[in-house]
C-alpha atoms as a PDB file:
ATOM      1  CA  UNK A   1     -36.925  -2.401-234.527  1.00  0.00           C
ATOM      2  CA  UNK A   2     -33.306  -1.900-234.751  1.00  0.00           C
ATOM      3  CA  UNK A   3     -34.060   2.062-235.484  1.00  0.00           C
ATOM      4  CA  UNK A   4     -35.933   2.079-232.210  1.00  0.00           C
ATOM      5  CA  UNK A   5     -33.409   0.309-229.811  1.00  0.00           C
ATOM      6  CA  UNK A   6     -30.617   2.599-231.418  1.00  0.00           C
ATOM      7  CA  UNK A   7     -32.835   5.887-230.877  1.00  0.00           C
ATOM      8  CA  UNK A   8     -33.367   4.075-227.215  1.00  0.00           C
ATOM      9  CA  UNK A   9     -29.626   3.627-226.679  1.00  0.00           C
ATOM     10  CA  UNK A  10     -28.736   7.073-227.603  1.00  0.00           C
ATOM     11  CA  UNK A  11     -31.284   8.164-225.151  1.00  0.00           C
ATOM     12  CA  UNK A  12     -30.215   6.246-222.540  1.00  0.00           C
ATOM     13  CA  UNK A  13     -26.680   7.334-223.349  1.00  0.00           C
ATOM     14  CA  UNK A  14     -27.311  11.102-223.010  1.00  0.00           C
ATOM     15  CA  UNK A  15     -29.495  10.254-220.262  1.00  0.00           C
ATOM     16  CA  UNK A  16     -26.261   8.807-218.299  1.00  0.00           C
ATOM     17  CA  UNK A  17     -23.989  11.489-219.603  1.00  0.00           C
ATOM     18  CA  UNK A  18     -26.122  14.012-218.340  1.00  0.00           C
ATOM     19  CA  UNK A  19     -26.520  12.226-215.041  1.00  0.00           C
ATOM     20  CA  UNK A  20     -22.664  11.948-214.707  1.00  0.00           C
ATOM     21  CA  UNK A  21     -22.195  15.574-215.589  1.00  0.00           C
ATOM     22  CA  UNK A  22     -24.862  16.608-212.906  1.00  0.00           C
ATOM     23  CA  UNK A  23     -22.950  14.526-210.442  1.00  0.00           C
ATOM     24  CA  UNK A  24     -19.754  16.054-211.369  1.00  0.00           C
ATOM     25  CA  UNK A  25     -21.501  19.594-210.909  1.00  0.00           C
ATOM     26  CA  UNK A  26     -22.746  18.725-207.496  1.00  0.00           C
ATOM     27  CA  UNK A  27     -19.858  17.562-205.911  1.00  0.00           C
ATOM     28  CA  UNK A  28     -17.565  20.682-205.513  1.00  0.00           C
ATOM     29  CA  UNK A  29     -20.829  22.094-203.879  1.00  0.00           C
ATOM     30  CA  UNK A  30     -21.209  19.175-201.528  1.00  0.00           C
ATOM     31  CA  UNK A  31     -17.791  19.012-200.642  1.00  0.00           C
ATOM     32  CA  UNK A  32     -17.570  23.298-199.946  1.00  0.00           C
ATOM     33  CA  UNK A  33     -20.974  22.054-197.676  1.00  0.00           C
ATOM     34  CA  UNK A  34     -19.117  19.504-195.520  1.00  0.00           C
ATOM     35  CA  UNK A  35     -15.986  21.493-195.157  1.00  0.00           C
ATOM     36  CA  UNK A  36     -18.389  24.570-193.824  1.00  0.00           C
ATOM     37  CA  UNK A  37     -20.163  22.146-191.967  1.00  0.00           C
ATOM     38  CA  UNK A  38     -16.884  20.587-190.253  1.00  0.00           C
ATOM     39  CA  UNK A  39     -15.572  24.075-189.530  1.00  0.00           C
ATOM     40  CA  UNK A  40     -18.500  24.965-187.735  1.00  0.00           C
ATOM     41  CA  UNK A  41     -18.566  22.115-185.736  1.00  0.00           C
ATOM     42  CA  UNK A  42     -14.914  22.580-184.713  1.00  0.00           C
ATOM     43  CA  UNK A  43     -15.834  26.459-183.742  1.00  0.00           C
ATOM     44  CA  UNK A  44     -19.044  25.080-181.922  1.00  0.00           C
ATOM     45  CA  UNK A  45     -16.272  22.549-180.089  1.00  0.00           C
ATOM     46  CA  UNK A  46     -13.399  24.895-179.511  1.00  0.00           C
ATOM     47  CA  UNK A  47     -16.230  27.683-178.133  1.00  0.00           C
ATOM     48  CA  UNK A  48     -17.858  24.808-175.365  1.00  0.00           C
ATOM     49  CA  UNK A  49     -14.494  23.601-174.615  1.00  0.00           C
ATOM     50  CA  UNK A  50     -13.413  27.510-174.048  1.00  0.00           C
ATOM     51  CA  UNK A  51     -16.374  27.716-171.822  1.00  0.00           C
ATOM     52  CA  UNK A  52     -15.777  24.834-169.834  1.00  0.00           C
ATOM     53  CA  UNK A  53     -12.240  25.961-169.389  1.00  0.00           C
ATOM     54  CA  UNK A  54     -12.792  29.253-168.268  1.00  0.00           C
ATOM     55  CA  UNK A  55     -15.634  27.766-165.921  1.00  0.00           C
ATOM     56  CA  UNK A  56     -12.888  25.390-164.293  1.00  0.00           C
ATOM     57  CA  UNK A  57     -10.561  28.699-164.008  1.00  0.00           C
ATOM     58  CA  UNK A  58     -13.123  30.616-162.007  1.00  0.00           C
ATOM     59  CA  UNK A  59     -14.232  27.809-159.821  1.00  0.00           C
ATOM     60  CA  UNK A  60     -10.599  26.544-159.338  1.00  0.00           C
ATOM     61  CA  UNK A  61      -8.205  30.336-158.848  1.00  0.00           C
ATOM     62  CA  UNK A  62     -11.653  32.157-157.977  1.00  0.00           C
ATOM     63  CA  UNK A  63     -14.126  31.170-155.679  1.00  0.00           C
ATOM     64  CA  UNK A  64     -12.032  27.686-154.301  1.00  0.00           C
ATOM     65  CA  UNK A  65      -9.103  29.998-152.768  1.00  0.00           C
ATOM     66  CA  UNK A  66     -11.899  32.428-151.343  1.00  0.00           C
ATOM     67  CA  UNK A  67     -14.281  29.560-149.633  1.00  0.00           C
ATOM     68  CA  UNK A  68     -10.837  27.851-148.185  1.00  0.00           C
ATOM     69  CA  UNK A  69      -9.763  31.650-146.975  1.00  0.00           C
ATOM     70  CA  UNK A  70     -13.230  32.059-145.516  1.00  0.00           C
ATOM     71  CA  UNK A  71     -12.775  28.448-143.770  1.00  0.00           C
ATOM     72  CA  UNK A  72      -9.329  30.282-141.954  1.00  0.00           C
ATOM     73  CA  UNK A  73     -11.032  33.209-141.030  1.00  0.00           C
ATOM     74  CA  UNK A  74     -13.888  31.495-139.229  1.00  0.00           C
ATOM     75  CA  UNK A  75     -11.409  29.173-137.553  1.00  0.00           C
ATOM     76  CA  UNK A  76      -9.516  32.480-136.338  1.00  0.00           C
ATOM     77  CA  UNK A  77     -13.101  33.860-135.552  1.00  0.00           C
ATOM     78  CA  UNK A  78     -13.111  31.016-133.010  1.00  0.00           C
ATOM     79  CA  UNK A  79     -10.123  31.122-131.312  1.00  0.00           C
ATOM     80  CA  UNK A  80     -10.745  34.840-131.163  1.00  0.00           C
ATOM     81  CA  UNK A  81     -13.771  34.425-129.547  1.00  0.00           C
ATOM     82  CA  UNK A  82     -12.071  32.438-126.483  1.00  0.00           C
ATOM     83  CA  UNK A  83      -9.263  34.576-125.897  1.00  0.00           C
ATOM     84  CA  UNK A  84     -10.116  38.262-127.132  1.00  0.00           C
ATOM     85  CA  UNK A  85     -14.109  38.350-127.459  1.00  0.00           C
ATOM     86  CA  UNK A  86     -13.967  42.161-127.758  1.00  0.00           C
ATOM     87  CA  UNK A  87     -12.564  41.978-131.144  1.00  0.00           C
ATOM     88  CA  UNK A  88     -14.985  39.643-132.734  1.00  0.00           C
ATOM     89  CA  UNK A  89     -17.168  42.389-134.030  1.00  0.00           C
ATOM     90  CA  UNK A  90     -14.460  43.719-136.725  1.00  0.00           C
ATOM     91  CA  UNK A  91     -13.192  40.348-137.282  1.00  0.00           C
ATOM     92  CA  UNK A  92     -17.168  38.846-138.257  1.00  0.00           C
ATOM     93  CA  UNK A  93     -17.639  42.124-140.288  1.00  0.00           C
ATOM     94  CA  UNK A  94     -14.696  41.106-142.391  1.00  0.00           C
ATOM     95  CA  UNK A  95     -15.804  37.395-143.015  1.00  0.00           C
ATOM     96  CA  UNK A  96     -19.392  38.886-143.937  1.00  0.00           C
ATOM     97  CA  UNK A  97     -18.323  40.757-146.502  1.00  0.00           C
ATOM     98  CA  UNK A  98     -16.115  38.131-147.871  1.00  0.00           C
ATOM     99  CA  UNK A  99     -18.935  35.888-147.757  1.00  0.00           C
ATOM    100  CA  UNK A 100     -21.031  38.748-149.710  1.00  0.00           C
ATOM    101  CA  UNK A 101     -18.307  38.615-152.245  1.00  0.00           C
ATOM    102  CA  UNK A 102     -18.159  34.818-152.672  1.00  0.00           C
ATOM    103  CA  UNK A 103     -21.792  34.892-153.402  1.00  0.00           C
ATOM    104  CA  UNK A 104     -21.710  37.424-156.034  1.00  0.00           C
ATOM    105  CA  UNK A 105     -18.908  35.149-157.743  1.00  0.00           C
ATOM    106  CA  UNK A 106     -21.290  32.248-157.489  1.00  0.00           C
ATOM    107  CA  UNK A 107     -23.913  34.454-158.960  1.00  0.00           C
ATOM    108  CA  UNK A 108     -21.999  35.863-161.989  1.00  0.00           C
ATOM    109  CA  UNK A 109     -20.914  31.862-162.598  1.00  0.00           C
ATOM    110  CA  UNK A 110     -24.654  30.911-162.712  1.00  0.00           C
ATOM    111  CA  UNK A 111     -25.883  33.745-165.008  1.00  0.00           C
ATOM    112  CA  UNK A 112     -22.937  32.596-167.282  1.00  0.00           C
ATOM    113  CA  UNK A 113     -24.451  29.383-167.541  1.00  0.00           C
ATOM    114  CA  UNK A 114     -28.324  29.968-167.701  1.00  0.00           C
ATOM    115  CA  UNK A 115     -29.404  33.733-168.251  1.00  0.00           C
ATOM    116  CA  UNK A 116     -31.577  34.395-164.914  1.00  0.00           C
ATOM    117  CA  UNK A 117     -34.507  36.406-166.720  1.00  0.00           C
ATOM    118  CA  UNK A 118     -35.601  33.379-168.243  1.00  0.00           C
ATOM    119  CA  UNK A 119     -36.430  31.696-164.988  1.00  0.00           C
ATOM    120  CA  UNK A 120     -37.625  34.867-163.563  1.00  0.00           C
ATOM    121  CA  UNK A 121     -39.629  36.309-166.433  1.00  0.00           C
ATOM    122  CA  UNK A 122     -39.851  33.516-168.938  1.00  0.00           C
ATOM    123  CA  UNK A 123     -38.440  33.772-172.578  1.00  0.00           C
ATOM    124  CA  UNK A 124     -41.278  36.737-174.153  1.00  0.00           C
ATOM    125  CA  UNK A 125     -41.006  38.767-170.663  1.00  0.00           C
ATOM    126  CA  UNK A 126     -37.289  38.604-170.462  1.00  0.00           C
ATOM    127  CA  UNK A 127     -36.835  39.475-174.505  1.00  0.00           C
ATOM    128  CA  UNK A 128     -39.255  42.593-173.821  1.00  0.00           C
ATOM    129  CA  UNK A 129     -37.314  43.677-170.470  1.00  0.00           C
ATOM    130  CA  UNK A 130     -34.102  43.452-172.570  1.00  0.00           C
ATOM    131  CA  UNK A 131     -35.462  45.357-175.615  1.00  0.00           C
ATOM    132  CA  UNK A 132     -36.587  48.349-173.802  1.00  0.00           C
ATOM    133  CA  UNK A 133     -34.973  51.548-175.066  1.00  0.00           C
ATOM    134  CA  UNK A 134     -33.000  49.720-177.857  1.00  0.00           C
ATOM    135  CA  UNK A 135     -35.104  51.627-180.315  1.00  0.00           C
ATOM    136  CA  UNK A 136     -38.158  53.628-181.282  1.00  0.00           C
ATOM    137  CA  UNK A 137     -40.022  50.875-180.670  1.00  0.00           C
ATOM    138  CA  UNK A 138     -40.078  46.965-180.243  1.00  0.00           C
ATOM    139  CA  UNK A 139     -43.092  44.565-180.668  1.00  0.00           C
ATOM    140  CA  UNK A 140     -42.260  41.038-179.324  1.00  0.00           C
ATOM    141  CA  UNK A 141     -44.795  38.288-179.754  1.00  0.00           C
ATOM    142  CA  UNK A 142     -45.279  34.694-179.285  1.00  0.00           C
ATOM    143  CA  UNK A 143     -47.400  32.485-181.498  1.00  0.00           C
ATOM    144  CA  UNK A 144     -48.342  29.194-179.969  1.00  0.00           C
ATOM    145  CA  UNK A 145     -47.219  27.757-176.369  1.00  0.00           C
ATOM    146  CA  UNK A 146     -44.293  29.203-174.941  1.00  0.00           C
ATOM    147  CA  UNK A 147     -44.263  27.061-171.958  1.00  0.00           C
ATOM    148  CA  UNK A 148     -42.139  23.790-171.816  1.00  0.00           C
ATOM    149  CA  UNK A 149     -39.528  24.829-174.311  1.00  0.00           C
ATOM    150  CA  UNK A 150     -36.821  22.909-173.989  1.00  0.00           C
ATOM    151  CA  UNK A 151     -33.965  24.739-171.823  1.00  0.00           C
ATOM    152  CA  UNK A 152     -30.781  24.345-174.894  1.00  0.00           C
ATOM    153  CA  UNK A 153     -33.493  26.190-176.814  1.00  0.00           C
ATOM    154  CA  UNK A 154     -35.066  28.705-175.015  1.00  0.00           C
ATOM    155  CA  UNK A 155     -30.896  29.967-174.293  1.00  0.00           C
ATOM    156  CA  UNK A 156     -30.296  29.928-177.655  1.00  0.00           C
ATOM    157  CA  UNK A 157     -33.691  32.075-178.662  1.00  0.00           C
ATOM    158  CA  UNK A 158     -32.582  34.504-175.641  1.00  0.00           C
ATOM    159  CA  UNK A 159     -28.897  34.935-176.746  1.00  0.00           C
ATOM    160  CA  UNK A 160     -30.124  35.321-180.197  1.00  0.00           C
ATOM    161  CA  UNK A 161     -32.724  37.771-179.657  1.00  0.00           C
ATOM    162  CA  UNK A 162     -30.301  39.706-177.391  1.00  0.00           C
ATOM    163  CA  UNK A 163     -27.695  39.848-179.795  1.00  0.00           C
ATOM    164  CA  UNK A 164     -30.170  40.906-182.617  1.00  0.00           C
ATOM    165  CA  UNK A 165     -31.452  43.482-180.408  1.00  0.00           C
ATOM    166  CA  UNK A 166     -27.976  44.554-179.353  1.00  0.00           C
ATOM    167  CA  UNK A 167     -26.896  45.137-183.158  1.00  0.00           C
ATOM    168  CA  UNK A 168     -30.652  47.319-183.614  1.00  0.00           C
ATOM    169  CA  UNK A 169     -29.334  49.591-180.351  1.00  0.00           C
ATOM    170  CA  UNK A 170     -25.927  49.872-181.950  1.00  0.00           C
ATOM    171  CA  UNK A 171     -26.878  50.227-185.522  1.00  0.00           C
ATOM    172  CA  UNK A 172     -30.344  51.154-185.580  1.00  0.00           C
ATOM    173  CA  UNK A 173     -31.403  52.785-182.408  1.00  0.00           C
ATOM    174  CA  UNK A 174     -34.025  55.012-184.692  1.00  0.00           C
ATOM    175  CA  UNK A 175     -35.448  52.176-186.344  1.00  0.00           C
ATOM    176  CA  UNK A 176     -38.607  49.986-185.174  1.00  0.00           C
ATOM    177  CA  UNK A 177     -37.946  46.241-184.726  1.00  0.00           C
ATOM    178  CA  UNK A 178     -39.985  43.444-184.683  1.00  0.00           C
ATOM    179  CA  UNK A 179     -39.600  39.870-182.526  1.00  0.00           C
ATOM    180  CA  UNK A 180     -41.702  36.985-183.628  1.00  0.00           C
ATOM    181  CA  UNK A 181     -41.332  33.696-182.192  1.00  0.00           C
ATOM    182  CA  UNK A 182     -43.698  31.054-183.296  1.00  0.00           C
ATOM    183  CA  UNK A 183     -43.784  27.322-182.344  1.00  0.00           C
ATOM    184  CA  UNK A 184     -44.789  24.065-184.426  1.00  0.00           C
ATOM    185  CA  UNK A 185     -42.225  21.260-184.635  1.00  0.00           C
ATOM    186  CA  UNK A 186     -39.472  23.980-184.413  1.00  0.00           C
ATOM    187  CA  UNK A 187     -39.117  27.270-182.876  1.00  0.00           C
ATOM    188  CA  UNK A 188     -38.867  30.007-185.330  1.00  0.00           C
ATOM    189  CA  UNK A 189     -37.558  33.465-184.281  1.00  0.00           C
ATOM    190  CA  UNK A 190     -37.593  36.471-186.481  1.00  0.00           C
ATOM    191  CA  UNK A 191     -36.073  39.801-185.611  1.00  0.00           C
ATOM    192  CA  UNK A 192     -36.401  42.665-188.181  1.00  0.00           C
ATOM    193  CA  UNK A 193     -35.982  46.163-188.019  1.00  0.00           C
ATOM    194  CA  UNK A 194     -36.481  49.196-190.452  1.00  0.00           C
ATOM    195  CA  UNK A 195     -32.575  50.430-189.953  1.00  0.00           C
ATOM    196  CA  UNK A 196     -30.153  50.993-192.628  1.00  0.00           C
ATOM    197  CA  UNK A 197     -29.682  47.044-193.106  1.00  0.00           C
ATOM    198  CA  UNK A 198     -26.437  45.264-193.701  1.00  0.00           C
ATOM    199  CA  UNK A 199     -23.782  46.653-195.599  1.00  0.00           C
ATOM    200  CA  UNK A 200     -23.843  47.104-199.334  1.00  0.00           C
ATOM    201  CA  UNK A 201     -21.373  44.397-200.261  1.00  0.00           C
ATOM    202  CA  UNK A 202     -24.066  42.343-198.330  1.00  0.00           C
ATOM    203  CA  UNK A 203     -27.194  43.266-199.794  1.00  0.00           C
ATOM    204  CA  UNK A 204     -25.497  43.145-203.683  1.00  0.00           C
ATOM    205  CA  UNK A 205     -24.455  39.189-202.661  1.00  0.00           C
ATOM    206  CA  UNK A 206     -20.955  39.769-201.575  1.00  0.00           C
ATOM    207  CA  UNK A 207     -20.089  38.750-197.983  1.00  0.00           C
ATOM    208  CA  UNK A 208     -20.547  40.995-195.113  1.00  0.00           C
ATOM    209  CA  UNK A 209     -17.632  42.168-193.045  1.00  0.00           C
ATOM    210  CA  UNK A 210     -17.342  39.408-190.357  1.00  0.00           C
ATOM    211  CA  UNK A 211     -18.749  40.527-187.337  1.00  0.00           C
ATOM    212  CA  UNK A 212     -18.487  38.138-184.139  1.00  0.00           C
ATOM    213  CA  UNK A 213     -22.030  38.913-182.894  1.00  0.00           C
ATOM    214  CA  UNK A 214     -23.444  37.893-186.322  1.00  0.00           C
ATOM    215  CA  UNK A 215     -21.071  34.494-186.285  1.00  0.00           C
ATOM    216  CA  UNK A 216     -22.213  34.008-182.486  1.00  0.00           C
ATOM    217  CA  UNK A 217     -25.969  34.117-183.650  1.00  0.00           C
ATOM    218  CA  UNK A 218     -25.264  31.281-186.195  1.00  0.00           C
ATOM    219  CA  UNK A 219     -23.161  29.123-183.927  1.00  0.00           C
ATOM    220  CA  UNK A 220     -25.940  29.271-181.134  1.00  0.00           C
ATOM    221  CA  UNK A 221     -28.530  28.215-183.597  1.00  0.00           C
ATOM    222  CA  UNK A 222     -25.969  25.385-184.611  1.00  0.00           C
ATOM    223  CA  UNK A 223     -25.576  24.178-181.432  1.00  0.00           C
ATOM    224  CA  UNK A 224     -29.165  23.038-181.305  1.00  0.00           C
ATOM    225  CA  UNK A 225     -29.172  21.528-184.684  1.00  0.00           C
ATOM    226  CA  UNK A 226     -30.746  24.802-186.240  1.00  0.00           C
ATOM    227  CA  UNK A 227     -30.043  27.588-188.741  1.00  0.00           C
ATOM    228  CA  UNK A 228     -29.775  31.195-188.677  1.00  0.00           C
ATOM    229  CA  UNK A 229     -29.890  33.567-191.877  1.00  0.00           C
ATOM    230  CA  UNK A 230     -29.113  37.130-191.566  1.00  0.00           C
ATOM    231  CA  UNK A 231     -30.081  39.357-194.583  1.00  0.00           C
ATOM    232  CA  UNK A 232     -31.099  42.505-195.638  1.00  0.00           C
ATOM    233  CA  UNK A 233     -34.537  43.742-196.885  1.00  0.00           C
ATOM    234  CA  UNK A 234     -34.913  45.433-199.996  1.00  0.00           C
ATOM    235  CA  UNK A 235     -36.998  48.482-198.169  1.00  0.00           C
ATOM    236  CA  UNK A 236     -34.464  48.864-195.505  1.00  0.00           C
ATOM    237  CA  UNK A 237     -33.538  47.201-192.446  1.00  0.00           C
ATOM    238  CA  UNK A 238     -32.405  43.821-191.368  1.00  0.00           C
ATOM    239  CA  UNK A 239     -33.833  40.276-190.889  1.00  0.00           C
ATOM    240  CA  UNK A 240     -32.692  37.566-188.619  1.00  0.00           C
ATOM    241  CA  UNK A 241     -34.332  34.279-189.428  1.00  0.00           C
ATOM    242  CA  UNK A 242     -33.848  31.307-187.271  1.00  0.00           C
ATOM    243  CA  UNK A 243     -35.099  27.900-186.801  1.00  0.00           C
ATOM    244  CA  UNK A 244     -34.572  25.769-183.706  1.00  0.00           C
ATOM    245  CA  UNK A 245     -35.596  22.279-183.676  1.00  0.00           C
ATOM    246  CA  UNK A 246     -37.412  20.750-180.781  1.00  0.00           C
ATOM    247  CA  UNK A 247     -37.439  17.182-180.813  1.00  0.00           C
ATOM    248  CA  UNK A 248     -33.435  16.733-180.996  1.00  0.00           C
ATOM    249  CA  UNK A 249     -33.146  19.022-177.690  1.00  0.00           C
ATOM    250  CA  UNK A 250     -36.305  17.286-176.062  1.00  0.00           C
ATOM    251  CA  UNK A 251     -34.812  14.082-176.837  1.00  0.00           C
ATOM    252  CA  UNK A 252     -31.324  15.246-175.533  1.00  0.00           C
ATOM    253  CA  UNK A 253     -32.901  16.722-172.316  1.00  0.00           C
ATOM    254  CA  UNK A 254     -34.428  13.272-171.509  1.00  0.00           C
ATOM    255  CA  UNK A 255     -31.052  11.508-172.266  1.00  0.00           C
ATOM    256  CA  UNK A 256     -29.301  13.812-169.822  1.00  0.00           C
ATOM    257  CA  UNK A 257     -32.121  13.769-167.360  1.00  0.00           C
ATOM    258  CA  UNK A 258     -30.937  11.726-164.153  1.00  0.00           C
ATOM    259  CA  UNK A 259     -33.218   8.519-163.674  1.00  0.00           C
ATOM    260  CA  UNK A 260     -35.487   8.546-160.556  1.00  0.00           C
ATOM    261  CA  UNK A 261     -35.916   4.927-158.679  1.00  0.00           C
ATOM    262  CA  UNK A 262     -39.229   4.161-157.704  1.00  0.00           C
ATOM    263  CA  UNK A 263     -38.578   4.546-153.496  1.00  0.00           C
ATOM    264  CA  UNK A 264     -37.951   8.651-155.022  1.00  0.00           C
ATOM    265  CA  UNK A 265     -34.148   8.284-154.580  1.00  0.00           C
ATOM    266  CA  UNK A 266     -31.948   9.559-157.601  1.00  0.00           C
END
């Protein structure tokens, strides 16, 4: 009996020692993951705040003075109409031109917030339209139901596909590209081409030379709680594999959607 207990104690000690060693080995990895996650969040927040700052500056320093100047021009036109009506035509023509400029500025701001092609064409047709001429052939396919995607996921998928296809146009214009979207509990996006692939350092397990476009794709995915992996295939070509969770985006959309009272007022 003592021998059995002694053996059990030895085994327990060995198990405990192994567990402690395994835990000690994983701690540095967990610390690195935590640090990388924190840095990714910081980059996303910094990028978002920079976009907000730029939007505020565009509204305050660009569109605001333009509209104020137009109001003054209309006041001048009203005065001119009373005293010198023959001068109205050139004055109104100038106001009209400046209004057209203001409309263009508003359109640019709206385009920066959400790509208009998504509303005009839908996600699949918008990607197809952007992909025209980027390489020898691009095959775009959506497996599942594309309607009703959360807005944040739709924008992230479109921007990532845009960036990936831009890289194809720049670095693999003689290749064939494939864009696949699959919807289940997540939206999966894959953009693959038959070009030269990533740099040799990345293909051999090293780190590729940092490129803003590659980092942007990962940040767009991370903003909606997803992931983006960019790799080279053995037979040649680059693969961008993206996972964009739908549940979190749908919950956030419902949380931010204005409530409607029973009488129909917001």
